[in-house]
Amino acid sequence: MTDTIDRPLSVPTEWPHRSSVRTYAELLLGLSFTAAVAFGGYSAATGRMAVAAQGAAIVFLVTLTCVVVSWFREVDAEESGSRD
């Protein structure tokens, strides 16, 4: 017996609302998290570089806030567009 379904085997992935600013913000989010953890661990182990750990943590929190707000705005826009 053969399968005669006319759909493609894989669904093409598209990112229609992905901007370069959002991509860079998400990359900065990951990098700032890594830096905050690395500097925080080094600071806890040696007692040095606490300022760098605090700076990386501040950058992480600000970037996290921006990215989460961006995600919720996109979801809200999609929901309001589907209601029309």
N, C-alpha and C. Protein backbone atom coordinates (compact mmCIF):
# COMPACT_ATOMS: atom_id res chain seq x y z
N MET A 1 0.83 -1.16 0.00
CA MET A 1 0.00 0.00 0.00
C MET A 1 0.90 1.25 0.00
N THR A 2 0.58 2.20 -0.81
CA THR A 2 1.40 3.42 -0.91
C THR A 2 0.64 4.61 -0.34
N ASP A 3 1.40 5.56 0.17
CA ASP A 3 0.83 6.77 0.74
C ASP A 3 0.68 7.80 -0.38
N THR A 4 -0.50 8.33 -0.55
CA THR A 4 -0.75 9.28 -1.65
C THR A 4 -1.07 10.67 -1.13
N ILE A 5 -0.58 11.02 0.03
CA ILE A 5 -0.83 12.35 0.59
C ILE A 5 -0.01 13.37 -0.20
N ASP A 6 -0.63 14.51 -0.51
CA ASP A 6 0.02 15.53 -1.35
C ASP A 6 0.75 16.61 -0.57
N ARG A 7 0.93 16.44 0.70
CA ARG A 7 1.63 17.46 1.48
C ARG A 7 3.14 17.18 1.49
N PRO A 8 3.95 18.22 1.67
CA PRO A 8 5.40 17.99 1.72
C PRO A 8 5.80 17.24 2.99
N LEU A 9 6.95 16.60 2.94
CA LEU A 9 7.42 15.84 4.09
C LEU A 9 7.84 16.73 5.25
N SER A 10 8.35 17.90 4.95
CA SER A 10 8.74 18.83 6.01
C SER A 10 8.10 20.19 5.77
N VAL A 11 7.82 20.86 6.85
CA VAL A 11 7.22 22.18 6.76
C VAL A 11 8.33 23.21 6.73
N PRO A 12 8.33 24.11 5.75
CA PRO A 12 9.40 25.12 5.70
C PRO A 12 9.28 26.07 6.89
N THR A 13 10.42 26.39 7.49
CA THR A 13 10.46 27.29 8.64
C THR A 13 10.64 28.71 8.15
N GLU A 14 9.76 29.58 8.62
CA GLU A 14 9.84 30.99 8.24
C GLU A 14 9.79 31.84 9.51
N TRP A 15 10.52 32.93 9.51
CA TRP A 15 10.51 33.88 10.61
C TRP A 15 10.07 35.23 10.06
N PRO A 16 8.77 35.42 9.86
CA PRO A 16 8.31 36.64 9.19
C PRO A 16 8.51 37.92 10.00
N HIS A 17 8.50 37.84 11.33
CA HIS A 17 8.60 39.04 12.14
C HIS A 17 9.96 39.17 12.82
N ARG A 18 10.94 38.44 12.35
CA ARG A 18 12.26 38.44 12.98
C ARG A 18 13.09 39.58 12.40
N SER A 19 13.45 40.53 13.25
CA SER A 19 14.30 41.63 12.80
C SER A 19 15.72 41.41 13.29
N SER A 20 16.65 42.11 12.69
CA SER A 20 18.04 41.95 13.11
C SER A 20 18.26 42.51 14.51
N VAL A 21 17.52 43.55 14.89
CA VAL A 21 17.66 44.11 16.24
C VAL A 21 17.22 43.09 17.27
N ARG A 22 16.12 42.39 17.01
CA ARG A 22 15.64 41.38 17.95
C ARG A 22 16.63 40.23 18.04
N THR A 23 17.19 39.84 16.93
CA THR A 23 18.17 38.76 16.93
C THR A 23 19.39 39.14 17.75
N TYR A 24 19.89 40.36 17.56
CA TYR A 24 21.04 40.82 18.34
C TYR A 24 20.70 40.93 19.82
N ALA A 25 19.49 41.35 20.14
CA ALA A 25 19.09 41.45 21.54
C ALA A 25 19.07 40.07 22.19
N GLU A 26 18.58 39.06 21.46
CA GLU A 26 18.55 37.72 22.02
C GLU A 26 19.96 37.14 22.15
N LEU A 27 20.84 37.46 21.23
CA LEU A 27 22.23 37.04 21.36
C LEU A 27 22.90 37.72 22.55
N LEU A 28 22.64 39.01 22.72
CA LEU A 28 23.19 39.73 23.86
C LEU A 28 22.65 39.17 25.16
N LEU A 29 21.41 38.72 25.16
CA LEU A 29 20.84 38.11 26.35
C LEU A 29 21.63 36.87 26.76
N GLY A 30 21.92 36.01 25.81
CA GLY A 30 22.69 34.81 26.11
C GLY A 30 24.12 35.11 26.52
N LEU A 31 24.75 36.04 25.83
CA LEU A 31 26.13 36.38 26.15
C LEU A 31 26.23 37.07 27.51
N SER A 32 25.28 37.94 27.83
CA SER A 32 25.34 38.62 29.12
C SER A 32 25.05 37.64 30.26
N PHE A 33 24.19 36.65 30.03
CA PHE A 33 23.96 35.64 31.05
C PHE A 33 25.24 34.83 31.29
N THR A 34 25.90 34.44 30.21
CA THR A 34 27.15 33.69 30.34
C THR A 34 28.21 34.52 31.07
N ALA A 35 28.32 35.79 30.73
CA ALA A 35 29.30 36.65 31.38
C ALA A 35 28.96 36.85 32.86
N ALA A 36 27.69 37.03 33.17
CA ALA A 36 27.29 37.22 34.57
C ALA A 36 27.61 35.98 35.40
N VAL A 37 27.34 34.81 34.86
CA VAL A 37 27.65 33.58 35.59
C VAL A 37 29.15 33.38 35.72
N ALA A 38 29.88 33.62 34.64
CA ALA A 38 31.34 33.43 34.68
C ALA A 38 32.00 34.41 35.64
N PHE A 39 31.69 35.70 35.52
CA PHE A 39 32.29 36.69 36.40
C PHE A 39 31.82 36.50 37.85
N GLY A 40 30.56 36.11 38.02
CA GLY A 40 30.05 35.86 39.37
C GLY A 40 30.76 34.69 40.03
N GLY A 41 30.98 33.63 39.29
CA GLY A 41 31.71 32.48 39.83
C GLY A 41 33.15 32.82 40.16
N TYR A 42 33.79 33.55 39.27
CA TYR A 42 35.18 33.97 39.52
C TYR A 42 35.24 34.90 40.72
N SER A 43 34.27 35.80 40.80
CA SER A 43 34.23 36.73 41.93
C SER A 43 34.00 36.00 43.24
N ALA A 44 33.15 35.00 43.24
CA ALA A 44 32.89 34.24 44.47
C ALA A 44 34.11 33.42 44.87
N ALA A 45 34.84 32.93 43.90
CA ALA A 45 36.00 32.08 44.20
C ALA A 45 37.20 32.89 44.66
N THR A 46 37.40 34.08 44.07
CA THR A 46 38.62 34.83 44.37
C THR A 46 38.38 36.13 45.12
N GLY A 47 37.17 36.63 45.11
CA GLY A 47 36.90 37.91 45.77
C GLY A 47 37.23 39.10 44.90
N ARG A 48 37.53 38.88 43.64
CA ARG A 48 37.86 39.96 42.70
C ARG A 48 36.81 40.04 41.62
N MET A 49 36.82 41.11 40.88
CA MET A 49 35.98 41.35 39.71
C MET A 49 34.49 41.36 40.03
N ALA A 50 34.12 41.78 41.21
CA ALA A 50 32.71 41.87 41.58
C ALA A 50 32.00 42.93 40.75
N VAL A 51 32.70 43.99 40.38
CA VAL A 51 32.10 45.06 39.58
C VAL A 51 31.73 44.53 38.20
N ALA A 52 32.59 43.71 37.61
CA ALA A 52 32.30 43.14 36.30
C ALA A 52 31.09 42.21 36.38
N ALA A 53 30.98 41.45 37.46
CA ALA A 53 29.83 40.55 37.63
C ALA A 53 28.55 41.36 37.79
N GLN A 54 28.61 42.45 38.53
CA GLN A 54 27.43 43.29 38.70
C GLN A 54 27.04 43.98 37.40
N GLY A 55 28.02 44.43 36.66
CA GLY A 55 27.73 45.06 35.36
C GLY A 55 27.11 44.08 34.38
N ALA A 56 27.65 42.87 34.33
CA ALA A 56 27.08 41.85 33.44
C ALA A 56 25.67 41.48 33.87
N ALA A 57 25.43 41.44 35.17
CA ALA A 57 24.09 41.13 35.67
C ALA A 57 23.09 42.23 35.31
N ILE A 58 23.51 43.48 35.38
CA ILE A 58 22.64 44.59 35.01
C ILE A 58 22.31 44.53 33.52
N VAL A 59 23.32 44.29 32.69
CA VAL A 59 23.09 44.16 31.25
C VAL A 59 22.14 43.00 30.98
N PHE A 60 22.32 41.89 31.68
CA PHE A 60 21.44 40.73 31.50
C PHE A 60 20.00 41.07 31.86
N LEU A 61 19.78 41.72 33.00
CA LEU A 61 18.41 42.03 33.42
C LEU A 61 17.72 43.02 32.49
N VAL A 62 18.46 44.02 32.03
CA VAL A 62 17.87 44.99 31.10
C VAL A 62 17.54 44.31 29.77
N THR A 63 18.44 43.50 29.27
CA THR A 63 18.20 42.80 28.01
C THR A 63 17.06 41.80 28.15
N LEU A 64 17.01 41.10 29.27
CA LEU A 64 15.92 40.15 29.51
C LEU A 64 14.57 40.86 29.50
N THR A 65 14.50 42.01 30.14
CA THR A 65 13.26 42.79 30.16
C THR A 65 12.84 43.19 28.76
N CYS A 66 13.78 43.68 27.97
CA CYS A 66 13.47 44.09 26.60
C CYS A 66 13.00 42.93 25.74
N VAL A 67 13.66 41.79 25.85
CA VAL A 67 13.30 40.63 25.03
C VAL A 67 11.93 40.09 25.44
N VAL A 68 11.67 40.00 26.74
CA VAL A 68 10.37 39.48 27.19
C VAL A 68 9.24 40.42 26.77
N VAL A 69 9.44 41.72 26.89
CA VAL A 69 8.42 42.67 26.45
C VAL A 69 8.20 42.52 24.94
N SER A 70 9.26 42.34 24.18
CA SER A 70 9.13 42.15 22.74
C SER A 70 8.33 40.89 22.42
N TRP A 71 8.60 39.81 23.13
CA TRP A 71 7.85 38.56 22.90
C TRP A 71 6.37 38.74 23.20
N PHE A 72 6.04 39.39 24.32
CA PHE A 72 4.64 39.59 24.67
C PHE A 72 3.94 40.53 23.71
N ARG A 73 4.63 41.54 23.23
CA ARG A 73 4.01 42.43 22.24
C ARG A 73 3.69 41.67 20.95
N GLU A 74 4.59 40.78 20.54
CA GLU A 74 4.34 40.01 19.33
C GLU A 74 3.15 39.08 19.51
N VAL A 75 3.05 38.43 20.66
CA VAL A 75 1.92 37.54 20.93
C VAL A 75 0.63 38.33 20.98
N ASP A 76 0.66 39.50 21.62
CA ASP A 76 -0.53 40.34 21.70
C ASP A 76 -0.96 40.81 20.31
N ALA A 77 0.00 41.16 19.46
CA ALA A 77 -0.32 41.60 18.11
C ALA A 77 -0.93 40.46 17.29
N GLU A 78 -0.41 39.24 17.47
CA GLU A 78 -0.95 38.08 16.76
C GLU A 78 -2.38 37.79 17.22
N GLU A 79 -2.62 37.89 18.53
CA GLU A 79 -3.97 37.63 19.04
C GLU A 79 -4.96 38.68 18.61
N SER A 80 -4.56 39.94 18.62
CA SER A 80 -5.48 40.98 18.17
C SER A 80 -5.71 40.93 16.67
N GLY A 81 -4.73 40.45 15.92
CA GLY A 81 -4.91 40.29 14.48
C GLY A 81 -5.83 39.14 14.14
N SER A 82 -5.84 38.10 14.96
CA SER A 82 -6.71 36.96 14.70
C SER A 82 -8.14 37.23 15.10
N ARG A 83 -8.37 38.22 15.97
CA ARG A 83 -9.73 38.57 16.39
C ARG A 83 -10.47 39.37 15.33
N ASP A 84 -9.76 40.04 14.46
CA ASP A 84 -10.42 40.90 13.43
C ASP A 84 -11.10 40.09 12.38
